[in-house]
Protein backbone atom coordinates (compact mmCIF):
# COMPACT_ATOMS: atom_id res chain seq x y z
CA ILE A 1 -112.73 -48.23 -57.06
CA VAL A 2 -113.09 -50.76 -59.86
CA ASN A 3 -112.10 -54.42 -59.75
CA GLU A 4 -112.45 -56.88 -62.66
CA LYS A 5 -116.00 -57.90 -61.71
CA ALA A 6 -117.11 -54.27 -61.38
CA LYS A 7 -115.36 -53.39 -64.64
CA LYS A 8 -117.43 -55.93 -66.59
CA SER A 9 -120.66 -54.77 -64.93
CA LEU A 10 -119.86 -51.10 -65.60
CA ILE A 11 -119.19 -51.79 -69.27
CA GLY A 12 -122.41 -53.81 -69.39
CA CYS A 13 -124.53 -50.94 -68.06
CA GLY A 14 -123.19 -48.50 -70.67
CA VAL A 15 -120.40 -46.64 -68.88
CA ARG A 16 -118.43 -44.53 -71.34
CA ASP A 17 -117.16 -40.96 -71.70
CA SER A 18 -119.75 -38.72 -70.01
CA LYS A 19 -119.35 -36.07 -72.69
CA ASN A 20 -121.18 -38.45 -75.05
CA LEU A 21 -124.19 -38.94 -72.77
CA SER A 22 -127.39 -36.96 -72.27
CA ASP A 23 -128.42 -35.79 -68.80
CA TYR A 24 -131.07 -38.53 -68.77
CA GLN A 25 -128.46 -41.20 -69.59
CA ILE A 26 -126.12 -39.76 -66.96
CA ARG A 27 -128.82 -40.04 -64.27
CA SER A 28 -129.69 -43.60 -65.25
CA ILE A 29 -126.13 -44.90 -65.55
CA ALA A 30 -125.02 -43.10 -62.35
CA GLY A 31 -127.63 -45.08 -60.42
CA GLU A 32 -126.27 -48.32 -61.86
CA ILE A 33 -122.67 -47.32 -61.08
CA LYS A 34 -123.57 -46.71 -57.43
CA LYS A 35 -125.19 -50.16 -57.20
CA ILE A 36 -122.14 -51.82 -58.75
CA VAL A 37 -119.38 -50.11 -56.74
CA GLY A 38 -121.30 -49.68 -53.48
CA ALA A 39 -119.48 -47.27 -51.16
CA ASN A 40 -116.28 -47.41 -53.25
CA TYR A 41 -116.60 -43.95 -54.76
CA GLN A 42 -116.09 -40.41 -53.55
CA ILE A 43 -117.62 -37.17 -54.84
CA VAL A 44 -116.24 -33.79 -53.87
CA LYS A 45 -119.22 -31.48 -54.39
CA ILE A 46 -118.35 -27.87 -55.05
CA SER A 47 -121.31 -25.51 -55.24
CA PRO A 48 -120.87 -22.34 -57.30
CA LYS A 49 -120.48 -20.31 -54.09
CA LYS A 50 -117.75 -22.66 -52.79
CA TYR A 51 -116.17 -22.79 -56.25
CA ASN A 52 -115.91 -19.00 -56.34
CA GLU A 53 -114.33 -18.99 -52.86
CA LEU A 54 -111.85 -21.71 -53.85
CA TYR A 55 -111.03 -20.02 -57.14
CA GLU A 56 -110.18 -16.84 -55.25
CA LYS A 57 -107.88 -18.90 -53.01
CA PHE A 58 -106.18 -20.92 -55.77
CA ALA A 59 -106.40 -18.28 -58.55
CA ASN A 60 -106.01 -21.10 -61.06
CA LEU A 61 -108.53 -23.67 -62.32
CA ASN A 62 -105.96 -26.48 -62.58
CA LYS A 63 -104.89 -25.94 -58.95
CA LEU A 64 -108.52 -26.10 -57.88
CA LEU A 65 -109.08 -29.29 -59.88
CA ASN A 66 -105.89 -30.76 -58.39
CA TRP A 67 -107.18 -30.03 -54.89
CA ALA A 68 -110.59 -31.62 -55.58
CA HIS A 69 -109.19 -34.72 -57.30
CA SER A 70 -106.56 -35.17 -54.58
CA LYS A 71 -109.16 -34.85 -51.82
CA ALA A 72 -111.44 -37.48 -53.39
CA ILE A 73 -108.57 -39.89 -54.07
CA ASP A 74 -107.07 -39.42 -50.60
CA ASN A 75 -110.45 -40.17 -49.00
CA LEU A 76 -110.85 -43.33 -51.10
CA LEU A 77 -107.32 -44.54 -50.44
CA ASP A 78 -107.75 -44.03 -46.69
CA ASN A 79 -110.65 -46.50 -46.74
CA THR A 80 -109.49 -49.14 -49.25
CA SER A 81 -106.46 -51.20 -50.15
CA CYS A 82 -106.28 -49.80 -53.69
CA LYS A 83 -102.71 -49.64 -55.01
CA TYR A 84 -103.28 -48.29 -58.53
CA VAL A 85 -104.93 -44.97 -59.41
CA ILE A 86 -105.68 -43.63 -62.89
CA THR A 87 -106.84 -40.05 -63.41
CA ASP A 88 -107.35 -37.77 -66.34
CA LYS A 89 -104.40 -35.46 -66.89
CA PHE A 90 -105.60 -31.87 -66.90
CA SER A 91 -102.30 -30.24 -65.93
CA LYS A 92 -98.55 -30.75 -66.22
CA LYS A 93 -98.34 -30.84 -62.43
CA GLU A 94 -98.83 -34.10 -60.52
CA LEU A 95 -101.79 -34.37 -58.20
CA ASP A 96 -101.00 -33.30 -54.64
CA VAL A 97 -102.11 -36.70 -53.31
CA VAL A 98 -99.17 -38.33 -55.14
CA SER A 99 -96.68 -36.76 -52.73
CA LEU A 100 -98.40 -37.87 -49.52
CA ALA A 101 -96.15 -40.32 -47.65
CA LYS A 102 -99.10 -42.42 -46.53
CA HIS A 103 -99.74 -43.32 -50.18
CA SER A 104 -96.12 -44.04 -51.18
CA ASP A 105 -97.05 -47.63 -52.07
CA VAL A 106 -99.72 -46.51 -54.57
CA GLU A 107 -98.96 -46.22 -58.28
CA PHE A 108 -100.47 -43.06 -59.78
CA VAL A 109 -101.06 -42.67 -63.51
CA GLN A 110 -102.23 -39.39 -65.03
CA GLU A 111 -103.17 -39.69 -68.67
CA THR A 112 -104.97 -37.47 -71.16
CA LYS A 113 -108.30 -38.85 -72.40
CA ALA A 114 -108.33 -41.29 -69.47
CA GLU A 115 -112.10 -41.74 -69.88
CA LYS A 116 -111.10 -44.70 -72.06
CA TYR A 117 -110.64 -46.50 -68.72
CA VAL A 118 -114.03 -47.60 -67.39
CA GLY A 119 -113.22 -46.48 -63.82
CA VAL A 120 -112.37 -42.95 -64.96
CA ALA A 121 -115.44 -42.86 -67.21
CA ALA A 122 -117.60 -44.01 -64.27
CA ALA A 123 -116.10 -41.32 -62.03
CA SER A 124 -116.81 -38.73 -64.71
CA ILE A 125 -120.44 -39.88 -64.91
CA LEU A 126 -120.85 -39.66 -61.12
CA ALA A 127 -119.38 -36.15 -61.14
CA ARG A 128 -121.65 -35.08 -64.00
CA ASP A 129 -124.64 -36.63 -62.20
CA SER A 130 -123.88 -34.49 -59.15
CA PHE A 131 -123.74 -31.43 -61.44
CA VAL A 132 -127.06 -32.31 -63.12
CA ASN A 133 -128.63 -32.93 -59.70
CA TRP A 134 -127.57 -29.46 -58.51
CA PHE A 135 -129.38 -27.89 -61.49
CA GLU A 136 -132.47 -30.05 -60.91
CA CYS A 137 -132.59 -28.96 -57.25
CA ARG A 138 -132.51 -25.29 -58.32
CA GLU A 139 -135.34 -26.01 -60.77
CA LEU A 140 -137.44 -27.64 -58.05
CA LYS A 141 -136.98 -24.44 -56.04
CA GLY A 142 -138.36 -22.45 -58.97
CA MET A 143 -135.16 -21.34 -60.69
CA LYS A 144 -134.46 -23.01 -64.02
CA LEU A 145 -130.88 -22.11 -64.89
CA PRO A 146 -129.31 -22.69 -68.30
CA LYS A 147 -126.09 -24.71 -68.49
CA GLY A 148 -122.98 -23.94 -70.49
CA SER A 149 -122.00 -20.83 -72.37
CA SER A 150 -124.32 -19.69 -75.11
CA ASN A 151 -126.06 -16.49 -76.14
CA ASP A 152 -129.16 -17.66 -74.23
CA THR A 153 -127.08 -18.25 -71.11
CA GLU A 154 -125.51 -14.80 -71.45
CA ARG A 155 -128.91 -13.10 -71.79
CA PHE A 156 -130.30 -15.03 -68.83
CA ALA A 157 -127.25 -14.32 -66.65
CA LYS A 158 -127.29 -10.62 -67.56
CA GLN A 159 -130.95 -10.31 -66.54
CA LEU A 160 -130.33 -12.29 -63.35
CA LEU A 161 -127.28 -10.20 -62.44
CA GLY A 162 -129.38 -7.05 -62.85
CA LYS A 163 -132.09 -8.49 -60.58
CA ILE A 164 -130.08 -10.10 -57.80
CA GLY A 165 -126.59 -8.57 -57.97
CA LYS A 166 -123.12 -10.11 -58.06
CA GLU A 167 -123.13 -11.44 -54.48
CA SER A 168 -126.29 -13.49 -54.99
CA LEU A 169 -125.22 -14.51 -58.49
CA SER A 170 -122.02 -15.96 -56.97
CA GLU A 171 -124.24 -18.57 -55.29
CA LEU A 172 -125.57 -19.69 -58.68
CA ALA A 173 -122.69 -19.24 -61.15
CA LYS A 174 -118.93 -19.48 -61.48
CA LEU A 175 -117.73 -15.90 -61.71
CA HIS A 176 -114.31 -16.24 -63.33
CA PHE A 177 -115.51 -17.57 -66.68
CA LYS A 178 -115.79 -15.51 -69.87
CA THR A 179 -119.60 -15.40 -69.73
CA PHE A 180 -119.57 -13.54 -66.42
CA THR A 181 -116.77 -11.23 -67.51
CA LYS A 182 -118.75 -10.40 -70.65
CA ILE A 183 -122.06 -9.70 -68.92
CA ASN A 184 -120.49 -7.86 -65.97
CA SER A 185 -118.58 -5.47 -68.25
CA SER A 186 -121.72 -4.71 -70.27
CA LEU A 187 -123.63 -3.35 -67.25
């Protein structure tokens, strides 16, 4: 939740599109965002294992994203008097939260490239920070996992799949992406 005072502070601490920030910058700016907005944010954490379960249920990435965004927004709206919500548009379908009667007095705006709004950019940074933190926790437990899809990631995932099997890999990786399909079919 961003008011005018928070907006100025967020801009001042460097909030911008998370895709243009390093992991180090994400960690640093996320800490500042949390100080500025206090408890007025919500993160729906989805581990790879939970993601794989949800993807099986929804069978569509946009439906899964809709569910997660709607859950976070609904939780925030239940605890604030916010009447205006801006989200990034990732689908033609409206978010499920829009149709909830209890939020009929809230104006919802879904827009592509919504990271131009400081509140959306801040939310994106907090989400990315949660993602980076998950990888750092795995590393502290002795498992440094590569991010993204690259030849190195494919080689690593293929070796890991051979060592631990699909069930255990589902706790560490999203299984519906091309990388998994590629490595799974090559075994």
